[in-house]
């Protein structure tokens, strides 16, 4: 299984990449996701792909991201 880091995961290329990962399930592990400020979409991606590392460029929105995640993540 190959590990992936998706930089710009909430942008069009990142979203398309994650669609390919879904399609080829079992062949890739999403190790890390990075986004600028799309908190809602990033929260959805975290729930689906369960990355070990997440970065958000807009530090002012980190608390908002954390509030949007279920406790189990």
Protein backbone atom coordinates (compact mmCIF):
# COMPACT_ATOMS: atom_id res chain seq x y z
CA UNK A 1 0.00 0.00 0.00
CA UNK A 2 1.34 3.42 -0.96
CA UNK A 3 1.08 6.38 1.40
CA UNK A 4 -0.06 9.72 0.01
CA UNK A 5 0.16 13.28 1.20
CA UNK A 6 -2.40 15.48 -0.52
CA UNK A 7 -1.44 19.15 -0.52
CA UNK A 8 -4.39 21.33 -1.40
CA UNK A 9 -6.84 18.54 -0.65
CA UNK A 10 -9.87 20.84 -0.83
CA UNK A 11 -8.97 22.29 -4.21
CA UNK A 12 -10.02 20.78 -7.53
CA UNK A 13 -6.86 18.73 -8.08
CA UNK A 14 -6.85 17.50 -4.49
CA UNK A 15 -10.52 16.52 -4.65
CA UNK A 16 -9.96 14.67 -7.92
CA UNK A 17 -6.97 12.88 -6.43
CA UNK A 18 -9.07 11.75 -3.49
CA UNK A 19 -11.74 10.46 -5.89
CA UNK A 20 -9.08 8.29 -7.52
CA UNK A 21 -7.99 7.06 -4.07
CA UNK A 22 -11.61 6.11 -3.30
CA UNK A 23 -11.88 4.31 -6.63
CA UNK A 24 -8.67 2.38 -6.01
CA UNK A 25 -9.42 1.59 -2.38
CA UNK A 26 -6.91 -0.71 -0.78
CA UNK A 27 -4.03 0.51 -2.94
CA UNK A 28 -3.43 3.84 -1.19
CA UNK A 29 -3.40 5.22 2.32
CA UNK A 30 -3.95 8.95 2.78
CA UNK A 31 -1.23 9.74 5.28
CA UNK A 32 -1.62 13.53 5.36
CA UNK A 33 -4.01 16.24 4.16
CA UNK A 34 -3.24 19.93 3.81
CA UNK A 35 -5.69 22.72 3.02
CA UNK A 36 -5.77 26.49 3.08
CA UNK A 37 -9.09 27.36 4.70
CA UNK A 38 -11.99 25.13 3.54
CA UNK A 39 -12.77 23.84 7.00
CA UNK A 40 -16.05 22.05 6.23
CA UNK A 41 -14.65 20.08 3.29
CA UNK A 42 -11.43 19.28 5.15
CA UNK A 43 -13.46 17.93 8.09
CA UNK A 44 -15.36 15.63 5.69
CA UNK A 45 -12.08 14.43 4.17
CA UNK A 46 -10.65 13.72 7.62
CA UNK A 47 -13.66 11.58 8.51
CA UNK A 48 -13.46 9.60 5.26
CA UNK A 49 -9.70 9.12 4.89
CA UNK A 50 -8.53 9.24 8.54
CA UNK A 51 -5.10 10.78 7.85
CA UNK A 52 -2.43 10.71 10.52
CA UNK A 53 -1.48 14.35 9.85
CA UNK A 54 -3.65 17.35 8.94
CA UNK A 55 -2.53 20.90 8.28
CA UNK A 56 -4.58 24.03 7.82
CA UNK A 57 -2.81 27.13 6.53
CA UNK A 58 -5.38 29.51 8.02
CA UNK A 59 -4.48 29.11 11.68
CA UNK A 60 -7.41 31.31 12.72
CA UNK A 61 -9.79 28.54 11.60
CA UNK A 62 -8.20 25.63 13.48
CA UNK A 63 -10.68 25.83 16.38
CA UNK A 64 -13.54 25.84 13.88
CA UNK A 65 -12.11 22.70 12.26
CA UNK A 66 -11.76 20.96 15.61
CA UNK A 67 -15.37 21.80 16.54
CA UNK A 68 -16.51 20.28 13.24
CA UNK A 69 -14.87 16.93 13.89
CA UNK A 70 -16.47 14.10 15.83
CA UNK A 71 -14.72 13.16 19.06
CA UNK A 72 -13.53 9.82 17.70
CA UNK A 73 -11.26 11.38 15.06
